[in-house]
Amino acid sequence: MMFHIQATHSYQTCGANDPDKKKLMRSTFLNAEEKGIKIHSLVTNRPSHTIYMIAESETFEAIDKMFDPILTMTDAVITPVMPVSLD
């Protein structure tokens, strides 16, 4: 299954000026593969404190588990999606 994920956080929970939060956020996404998740695309809009990603996983539960370490830092909208052919 593929998922579009939009994760937002506040200025107060932003890791830009907090090395510990930044490290936790990075490790969460770097360790996604260990949880059976492939991140196809990861982009950000820093001024709006928003991260967007396309991720692939066998289950929604794996995606949910990936966010465990950062649940207090971010709100995420996770939407199942599918590829579309333009042929």
PDB file of N, CA and C in Angstrom:
ATOM      1  N   MET A   1       0.835  -1.171   0.000  1.00  0.00           N
ATOM      2  CA  MET A   1       0.000   0.000   0.000  1.00  0.00           C
ATOM      3  C   MET A   1       0.885   1.242   0.000  1.00  0.00           C
ATOM      4  N   MET A   2       0.401   2.268  -0.680  1.00  0.00           N
ATOM      5  CA  MET A   2       1.124   3.537  -0.690  1.00  0.00           C
ATOM      6  C   MET A   2       0.324   4.567   0.107  1.00  0.00           C
ATOM      7  N   PHE A   3       1.057   5.472   0.746  1.00  0.00           N
ATOM      8  CA  PHE A   3       0.439   6.489   1.585  1.00  0.00           C
ATOM      9  C   PHE A   3       1.045   7.854   1.298  1.00  0.00           C
ATOM     10  N   HIS A   4       0.187   8.864   1.241  1.00  0.00           N
ATOM     11  CA  HIS A   4       0.653  10.254   1.226  1.00  0.00           C
ATOM     12  C   HIS A   4       0.557  10.723   2.670  1.00  0.00           C
ATOM     13  N   ILE A   5       1.665  11.245   3.179  1.00  0.00           N
ATOM     14  CA  ILE A   5       1.709  11.672   4.576  1.00  0.00           C
ATOM     15  C   ILE A   5       2.060  13.152   4.636  1.00  0.00           C
ATOM     16  N   GLN A   6       1.245  13.889   5.338  1.00  0.00           N
ATOM     17  CA  GLN A   6       1.516  15.304   5.594  1.00  0.00           C
ATOM     18  C   GLN A   6       1.658  15.447   7.102  1.00  0.00           C
ATOM     19  N   ALA A   7       2.865  15.739   7.548  1.00  0.00           N
ATOM     20  CA  ALA A   7       3.139  15.864   8.977  1.00  0.00           C
ATOM     21  C   ALA A   7       3.493  17.309   9.298  1.00  0.00           C
ATOM     22  N   THR A   8       2.762  17.876  10.237  1.00  0.00           N
ATOM     23  CA  THR A   8       3.015  19.261  10.631  1.00  0.00           C
ATOM     24  C   THR A   8       3.393  19.313  12.108  1.00  0.00           C
ATOM     25  N   HIS A   9       4.099  20.358  12.444  1.00  0.00           N
ATOM     26  CA  HIS A   9       4.444  20.595  13.839  1.00  0.00           C
ATOM     27  C   HIS A   9       4.404  22.096  14.089  1.00  0.00           C
ATOM     28  N   SER A  10       4.461  22.470  15.326  1.00  0.00           N
ATOM     29  CA  SER A  10       4.398  23.888  15.678  1.00  0.00           C
ATOM     30  C   SER A  10       5.803  24.474  15.784  1.00  0.00           C
ATOM     31  N   TYR A  11       5.853  25.766  15.887  1.00  0.00           N
ATOM     32  CA  TYR A  11       7.129  26.447  16.124  1.00  0.00           C
ATOM     33  C   TYR A  11       7.755  25.918  17.417  1.00  0.00           C
ATOM     34  N   GLN A  12       6.924  25.666  18.417  1.00  0.00           N
ATOM     35  CA  GLN A  12       7.414  25.211  19.712  1.00  0.00           C
ATOM     36  C   GLN A  12       8.014  23.808  19.653  1.00  0.00           C
ATOM     37  N   THR A  13       7.508  22.949  18.786  1.00  0.00           N
ATOM     38  CA  THR A  13       8.025  21.579  18.704  1.00  0.00           C
ATOM     39  C   THR A  13       8.982  21.383  17.538  1.00  0.00           C
ATOM     40  N   CYS A  14       9.329  22.466  16.841  1.00  0.00           N
ATOM     41  CA  CYS A  14      10.217  22.383  15.683  1.00  0.00           C
ATOM     42  C   CYS A  14      11.627  21.980  16.111  1.00  0.00           C
ATOM     43  N   GLY A  15      12.239  21.111  15.331  1.00  0.00           N
ATOM     44  CA  GLY A  15      13.597  20.672  15.616  1.00  0.00           C
ATOM     45  C   GLY A  15      14.676  21.549  15.016  1.00  0.00           C
ATOM     46  N   ALA A  16      14.309  22.597  14.303  1.00  0.00           N
ATOM     47  CA  ALA A  16      15.307  23.428  13.626  1.00  0.00           C
ATOM     48  C   ALA A  16      16.353  23.981  14.586  1.00  0.00           C
ATOM     49  N   ASN A  17      15.936  24.351  15.778  1.00  0.00           N
ATOM     50  CA  ASN A  17      16.872  24.917  16.745  1.00  0.00           C
ATOM     51  C   ASN A  17      17.038  24.050  17.985  1.00  0.00           C
ATOM     52  N   ASP A  18      16.631  22.796  17.879  1.00  0.00           N
ATOM     53  CA  ASP A  18      16.756  21.859  18.994  1.00  0.00           C
ATOM     54  C   ASP A  18      17.422  20.586  18.474  1.00  0.00           C
ATOM     55  N   PRO A  19      18.718  20.419  18.732  1.00  0.00           N
ATOM     56  CA  PRO A  19      19.452  19.272  18.180  1.00  0.00           C
ATOM     57  C   PRO A  19      18.853  17.916  18.552  1.00  0.00           C
ATOM     58  N   ASP A  20      18.310  17.786  19.763  1.00  0.00           N
ATOM     59  CA  ASP A  20      17.736  16.499  20.176  1.00  0.00           C
ATOM     60  C   ASP A  20      16.476  16.164  19.382  1.00  0.00           C
ATOM     61  N   LYS A  21      15.609  17.150  19.198  1.00  0.00           N
ATOM     62  CA  LYS A  21      14.391  16.926  18.406  1.00  0.00           C
ATOM     63  C   LYS A  21      14.738  16.648  16.947  1.00  0.00           C
ATOM     64  N   LYS A  22      15.712  17.372  16.425  1.00  0.00           N
ATOM     65  CA  LYS A  22      16.132  17.169  15.038  1.00  0.00           C
ATOM     66  C   LYS A  22      16.676  15.752  14.842  1.00  0.00           C
ATOM     67  N   LYS A  23      17.479  15.294  15.782  1.00  0.00           N
ATOM     68  CA  LYS A  23      18.042  13.939  15.711  1.00  0.00           C
ATOM     69  C   LYS A  23      16.933  12.884  15.778  1.00  0.00           C
ATOM     70  N   LEU A  24      15.963  13.098  16.652  1.00  0.00           N
ATOM     71  CA  LEU A  24      14.851  12.155  16.785  1.00  0.00           C
ATOM     72  C   LEU A  24      14.025  12.091  15.504  1.00  0.00           C
ATOM     73  N   MET A  25      13.735  13.245  14.915  1.00  0.00           N
ATOM     74  CA  MET A  25      12.964  13.291  13.668  1.00  0.00           C
ATOM     75  C   MET A  25      13.716  12.567  12.550  1.00  0.00           C
ATOM     76  N   ARG A  26      15.007  12.870  12.410  1.00  0.00           N
ATOM     77  CA  ARG A  26      15.816  12.227  11.366  1.00  0.00           C
ATOM     78  C   ARG A  26      15.860  10.714  11.560  1.00  0.00           C
ATOM     79  N   SER A  27      16.104  10.274  12.783  1.00  0.00           N
ATOM     80  CA  SER A  27      16.217   8.833  13.022  1.00  0.00           C
ATOM     81  C   SER A  27      14.892   8.124  12.777  1.00  0.00           C
ATOM     82  N   THR A  28      13.780   8.795  13.060  1.00  0.00           N
ATOM     83  CA  THR A  28      12.463   8.199  12.804  1.00  0.00           C
ATOM     84  C   THR A  28      12.316   7.828  11.336  1.00  0.00           C
ATOM     85  N   PHE A  29      12.688   8.746  10.450  1.00  0.00           N
ATOM     86  CA  PHE A  29      12.532   8.484   9.021  1.00  0.00           C
ATOM     87  C   PHE A  29      13.661   7.621   8.465  1.00  0.00           C
ATOM     88  N   LEU A  30      14.873   7.771   9.006  1.00  0.00           N
ATOM     89  CA  LEU A  30      15.983   6.929   8.550  1.00  0.00           C
ATOM     90  C   LEU A  30      15.770   5.469   8.935  1.00  0.00           C
ATOM     91  N   ASN A  31      15.062   5.212  10.029  1.00  0.00           N
ATOM     92  CA  ASN A  31      14.815   3.845  10.495  1.00  0.00           C
ATOM     93  C   ASN A  31      13.516   3.251   9.958  1.00  0.00           C
ATOM     94  N   ALA A  32      12.846   3.957   9.076  1.00  0.00           N
ATOM     95  CA  ALA A  32      11.565   3.477   8.541  1.00  0.00           C
ATOM     96  C   ALA A  32      11.703   2.112   7.874  1.00  0.00           C
ATOM     97  N   GLU A  33      12.799   1.913   7.156  1.00  0.00           N
ATOM     98  CA  GLU A  33      12.981   0.648   6.436  1.00  0.00           C
ATOM     99  C   GLU A  33      13.018  -0.544   7.391  1.00  0.00           C
ATOM    100  N   GLU A  34      13.537  -0.333   8.596  1.00  0.00           N
ATOM    101  CA  GLU A  34      13.563  -1.405   9.599  1.00  0.00           C
ATOM    102  C   GLU A  34      12.148  -1.824  10.002  1.00  0.00           C
ATOM    103  N   LYS A  35      11.189  -0.946   9.798  1.00  0.00           N
ATOM    104  CA  LYS A  35       9.788  -1.236  10.128  1.00  0.00           C
ATOM    105  C   LYS A  35       8.999  -1.683   8.896  1.00  0.00           C
ATOM    106  N   GLY A  36       9.712  -1.945   7.795  1.00  0.00           N
ATOM    107  CA  GLY A  36       9.056  -2.415   6.579  1.00  0.00           C
ATOM    108  C   GLY A  36       8.460  -1.309   5.736  1.00  0.00           C
ATOM    109  N   ILE A  37       8.983  -0.094   5.878  1.00  0.00           N
ATOM    110  CA  ILE A  37       8.451   1.058   5.151  1.00  0.00           C
ATOM    111  C   ILE A  37       9.505   1.586   4.193  1.00  0.00           C
ATOM    112  N   LYS A  38       9.088   1.805   2.961  1.00  0.00           N
ATOM    113  CA  LYS A  38       9.970   2.440   1.980  1.00  0.00           C
ATOM    114  C   LYS A  38       9.463   3.859   1.756  1.00  0.00           C
ATOM    115  N   ILE A  39      10.319   4.840   2.008  1.00  0.00           N
ATOM    116  CA  ILE A  39       9.960   6.229   1.758  1.00  0.00           C
ATOM    117  C   ILE A  39      10.412   6.568   0.344  1.00  0.00           C
ATOM    118  N   HIS A  40       9.442   6.796  -0.533  1.00  0.00           N
ATOM    119  CA  HIS A  40       9.744   7.099  -1.934  1.00  0.00           C
ATOM    120  C   HIS A  40      10.136   8.555  -2.127  1.00  0.00           C
ATOM    121  N   SER A  41       9.527   9.432  -1.362  1.00  0.00           N
ATOM    122  CA  SER A  41       9.789  10.863  -1.515  1.00  0.00           C
ATOM    123  C   SER A  41       9.581  11.536  -0.168  1.00  0.00           C
ATOM    124  N   LEU A  42      10.486  12.447   0.167  1.00  0.00           N
ATOM    125  CA  LEU A  42      10.376  13.205   1.411  1.00  0.00           C
ATOM    126  C   LEU A  42      10.777  14.637   1.112  1.00  0.00           C
ATOM    127  N   VAL A  43       9.829  15.547   1.240  1.00  0.00           N
ATOM    128  CA  VAL A  43      10.078  16.964   0.962  1.00  0.00           C
ATOM    129  C   VAL A  43       9.490  17.789   2.106  1.00  0.00           C
ATOM    130  N   THR A  44       9.933  19.026   2.198  1.00  0.00           N
ATOM    131  CA  THR A  44       9.454  19.876   3.279  1.00  0.00           C
ATOM    132  C   THR A  44       9.158  21.287   2.802  1.00  0.00           C
ATOM    133  N   ASN A  45       8.284  21.938   3.525  1.00  0.00           N
ATOM    134  CA  ASN A  45       8.074  23.375   3.412  1.00  0.00           C
ATOM    135  C   ASN A  45       8.414  23.913   4.799  1.00  0.00           C
ATOM    136  N   ARG A  46       9.678  24.282   4.975  1.00  0.00           N
ATOM    137  CA  ARG A  46      10.157  24.675   6.304  1.00  0.00           C
ATOM    138  C   ARG A  46       9.382  25.842   6.915  1.00  0.00           C
ATOM    139  N   PRO A  47       9.076  26.907   6.170  1.00  0.00           N
ATOM    140  CA  PRO A  47       8.351  28.013   6.801  1.00  0.00           C
ATOM    141  C   PRO A  47       6.975  27.616   7.353  1.00  0.00           C
ATOM    142  N   SER A  48       6.351  26.608   6.748  1.00  0.00           N
ATOM    143  CA  SER A  48       5.037  26.178   7.253  1.00  0.00           C
ATOM    144  C   SER A  48       5.152  25.006   8.229  1.00  0.00           C
ATOM    145  N   HIS A  49       6.390  24.595   8.543  1.00  0.00           N
ATOM    146  CA  HIS A  49       6.628  23.501   9.493  1.00  0.00           C
ATOM    147  C   HIS A  49       5.882  22.236   9.057  1.00  0.00           C
ATOM    148  N   THR A  50       6.010  21.904   7.769  1.00  0.00           N
ATOM    149  CA  THR A  50       5.287  20.765   7.201  1.00  0.00           C
ATOM    150  C   THR A  50       6.228  19.868   6.408  1.00  0.00           C
ATOM    151  N   ILE A  51       6.073  18.569   6.598  1.00  0.00           N
ATOM    152  CA  ILE A  51       6.813  17.561   5.846  1.00  0.00           C
ATOM    153  C   ILE A  51       5.794  16.762   5.047  1.00  0.00           C
ATOM    154  N   TYR A  52       6.128  16.472   3.794  1.00  0.00           N
ATOM    155  CA  TYR A  52       5.284  15.646   2.927  1.00  0.00           C
ATOM    156  C   TYR A  52       6.088  14.426   2.514  1.00  0.00           C
ATOM    157  N   MET A  53       5.431  13.283   2.464  1.00  0.00           N
ATOM    158  CA  MET A  53       6.130  12.095   1.973  1.00  0.00           C
ATOM    159  C   MET A  53       5.166  11.141   1.290  1.00  0.00           C
ATOM    160  N   ILE A  54       5.752  10.361   0.389  1.00  0.00           N
ATOM    161  CA  ILE A  54       5.075   9.205  -0.188  1.00  0.00           C
ATOM    162  C   ILE A  54       5.812   7.998   0.376  1.00  0.00           C
ATOM    163  N   ALA A  55       5.079   7.148   1.064  1.00  0.00           N
ATOM    164  CA  ALA A  55       5.675   5.977   1.697  1.00  0.00           C
ATOM    165  C   ALA A  55       4.898   4.731   1.284  1.00  0.00           C
ATOM    166  N   GLU A  56       5.609   3.621   1.284  1.00  0.00           N
ATOM    167  CA  GLU A  56       4.994   2.341   0.924  1.00  0.00           C
ATOM    168  C   GLU A  56       5.194   1.359   2.068  1.00  0.00           C
ATOM    169  N   SER A  57       4.109   0.654   2.408  1.00  0.00           N
ATOM    170  CA  SER A  57       4.141  -0.306   3.498  1.00  0.00           C
ATOM    171  C   SER A  57       3.070  -1.361   3.268  1.00  0.00           C
ATOM    172  N   GLU A  58       3.284  -2.524   3.824  1.00  0.00           N
ATOM    173  CA  GLU A  58       2.278  -3.582   3.732  1.00  0.00           C
ATOM    174  C   GLU A  58       1.023  -3.210   4.522  1.00  0.00           C
ATOM    175  N   THR A  59       1.209  -2.471   5.615  1.00  0.00           N
ATOM    176  CA  THR A  59       0.077  -2.160   6.484  1.00  0.00           C
ATOM    177  C   THR A  59       0.109  -0.706   6.961  1.00  0.00           C
ATOM    178  N   PHE A  60      -1.062  -0.205   7.316  1.00  0.00           N
ATOM    179  CA  PHE A  60      -1.150   1.105   7.959  1.00  0.00           C
ATOM    180  C   PHE A  60      -0.511   1.055   9.341  1.00  0.00           C
ATOM    181  N   GLU A  61      -0.630  -0.082   9.996  1.00  0.00           N
ATOM    182  CA  GLU A  61      -0.080  -0.226  11.346  1.00  0.00           C
ATOM    183  C   GLU A  61       1.421   0.060  11.379  1.00  0.00           C
ATOM    184  N   ALA A  62       2.144  -0.358  10.332  1.00  0.00           N
ATOM    185  CA  ALA A  62       3.586  -0.087  10.274  1.00  0.00           C
ATOM    186  C   ALA A  62       3.849   1.413  10.178  1.00  0.00           C
ATOM    187  N   ILE A  63       3.033   2.100   9.384  1.00  0.00           N
ATOM    188  CA  ILE A  63       3.166   3.557   9.268  1.00  0.00           C
ATOM    189  C   ILE A  63       2.895   4.196  10.627  1.00  0.00           C
ATOM    190  N   ASP A  64       1.844   3.761  11.284  1.00  0.00           N
ATOM    191  CA  ASP A  64       1.500   4.274  12.609  1.00  0.00           C
ATOM    192  C   ASP A  64       2.652   4.064  13.586  1.00  0.00           C
ATOM    193  N   LYS A  65       3.241   2.897  13.556  1.00  0.00           N
ATOM    194  CA  LYS A  65       4.353   2.572  14.461  1.00  0.00           C
ATOM    195  C   LYS A  65       5.574   3.448  14.173  1.00  0.00           C
ATOM    196  N   MET A  66       5.798   3.780  12.900  1.00  0.00           N
ATOM    197  CA  MET A  66       6.929   4.630  12.546  1.00  0.00           C
ATOM    198  C   MET A  66       6.840   5.966  13.286  1.00  0.00           C
ATOM    199  N   PHE A  67       5.622   6.475  13.486  1.00  0.00           N
ATOM    200  CA  PHE A  67       5.437   7.781  14.118  1.00  0.00           C
ATOM    201  C   PHE A  67       5.486   7.737  15.647  1.00  0.00           C
ATOM    202  N   ASP A  68       5.572   6.552  16.251  1.00  0.00           N
ATOM    203  CA  ASP A  68       5.611   6.450  17.716  1.00  0.00           C
ATOM    204  C   ASP A  68       6.617   7.404  18.370  1.00  0.00           C
ATOM    205  N   PRO A  69       7.873   7.461  17.907  1.00  0.00           N
ATOM    206  CA  PRO A  69       8.857   8.304  18.598  1.00  0.00           C
ATOM    207  C   PRO A  69       8.565   9.803  18.521  1.00  0.00           C
ATOM    208  N   ILE A  70       7.755  10.234  17.562  1.00  0.00           N
ATOM    209  CA  ILE A  70       7.542  11.672  17.376  1.00  0.00           C
ATOM    210  C   ILE A  70       6.070  12.082  17.525  1.00  0.00           C
ATOM    211  N   LEU A  71       5.272  11.238  18.147  1.00  0.00           N
ATOM    212  CA  LEU A  71       3.841  11.543  18.300  1.00  0.00           C
ATOM    213  C   LEU A  71       3.593  12.840  19.066  1.00  0.00           C
ATOM    214  N   THR A  72       4.460  13.172  20.007  1.00  0.00           N
ATOM    215  CA  THR A  72       4.255  14.402  20.775  1.00  0.00           C
ATOM    216  C   THR A  72       4.771  15.638  20.050  1.00  0.00           C
ATOM    217  N   MET A  73       5.448  15.431  18.918  1.00  0.00           N
ATOM    218  CA  MET A  73       6.035  16.548  18.176  1.00  0.00           C
ATOM    219  C   MET A  73       5.265  16.922  16.921  1.00  0.00           C
ATOM    220  N   THR A  74       4.452  16.028  16.403  1.00  0.00           N
ATOM    221  CA  THR A  74       3.862  16.255  15.084  1.00  0.00           C
ATOM    222  C   THR A  74       2.430  15.744  15.004  1.00  0.00           C
ATOM    223  N   ASP A  75       1.671  16.349  14.118  1.00  0.00           N
ATOM    224  CA  ASP A  75       0.350  15.846  13.739  1.00  0.00           C
ATOM    225  C   ASP A  75       0.475  15.360  12.304  1.00  0.00           C
ATOM    226  N   ALA A  76      -0.071  14.198  12.012  1.00  0.00           N
ATOM    227  CA  ALA A  76       0.071  13.644  10.669  1.00  0.00           C
ATOM    228  C   ALA A  76      -1.284  13.295  10.073  1.00  0.00           C
ATOM    229  N   VAL A  77      -1.435  13.636   8.809  1.00  0.00           N
ATOM    230  CA  VAL A  77      -2.582  13.199   8.019  1.00  0.00           C
ATOM    231  C   VAL A  77      -2.035  12.139   7.078  1.00  0.00           C
ATOM    232  N   ILE A  78      -2.532  10.921   7.210  1.00  0.00           N
ATOM    233  CA  ILE A  78      -2.024   9.786   6.441  1.00  0.00           C
ATOM    234  C   ILE A  78      -3.152   9.285   5.549  1.00  0.00           C
ATOM    235  N   THR A  79      -2.929   9.370   4.236  1.00  0.00           N
ATOM    236  CA  THR A  79      -3.965   9.047   3.264  1.00  0.00           C
ATOM    237  C   THR A  79      -3.493   7.938   2.334  1.00  0.00           C
ATOM    238  N   PRO A  80      -4.241   6.828   2.220  1.00  0.00           N
ATOM    239  CA  PRO A  80      -3.878   5.816   1.234  1.00  0.00           C
ATOM    240  C   PRO A  80      -4.002   6.403  -0.175  1.00  0.00           C
ATOM    241  N   VAL A  81      -3.024   6.110  -1.013  1.00  0.00           N
ATOM    242  CA  VAL A  81      -3.027   6.580  -2.400  1.00  0.00           C
ATOM    243  C   VAL A  81      -2.585   5.446  -3.310  1.00  0.00           C
ATOM    244  N   MET A  82      -2.718   5.660  -4.620  1.00  0.00           N
ATOM    245  CA  MET A  82      -2.258   4.664  -5.589  1.00  0.00           C
ATOM    246  C   MET A  82      -1.647   5.384  -6.786  1.00  0.00           C
ATOM    247  N   PRO A  83      -0.709   4.723  -7.453  1.00  0.00           N
ATOM    248  CA  PRO A  83      -0.109   5.332  -8.643  1.00  0.00           C
ATOM    249  C   PRO A  83      -1.143   5.469  -9.759  1.00  0.00           C
ATOM    250  N   VAL A  84      -0.952   6.468 -10.593  1.00  0.00           N
ATOM    251  CA  VAL A  84      -1.820   6.689 -11.744  1.00  0.00           C
ATOM    252  C   VAL A  84      -0.949   6.717 -12.991  1.00  0.00           C
ATOM    253  N   SER A  85      -1.352   5.975 -14.006  1.00  0.00           N
ATOM    254  CA  SER A  85      -0.636   5.979 -15.278  1.00  0.00           C
ATOM    255  C   SER A  85      -1.181   7.090 -16.162  1.00  0.00           C
ATOM    256  N   LEU A  86      -0.299   7.803 -16.811  1.00  0.00           N
ATOM    257  CA  LEU A  86      -0.718   8.868 -17.721  1.00  0.00           C
ATOM    258  C   LEU A  86      -0.753   8.394 -19.169  1.00  0.00           C
ATOM    259  N   ASP A  87      -0.632   7.094 -19.365  1.00  0.00           N
ATOM    260  CA  ASP A  87      -0.684   6.523 -20.724  1.00  0.00           C
ATOM    261  C   ASP A  87      -2.078   6.570 -21.288  1.00  0.00           C
TER     262      ASP A  87
END
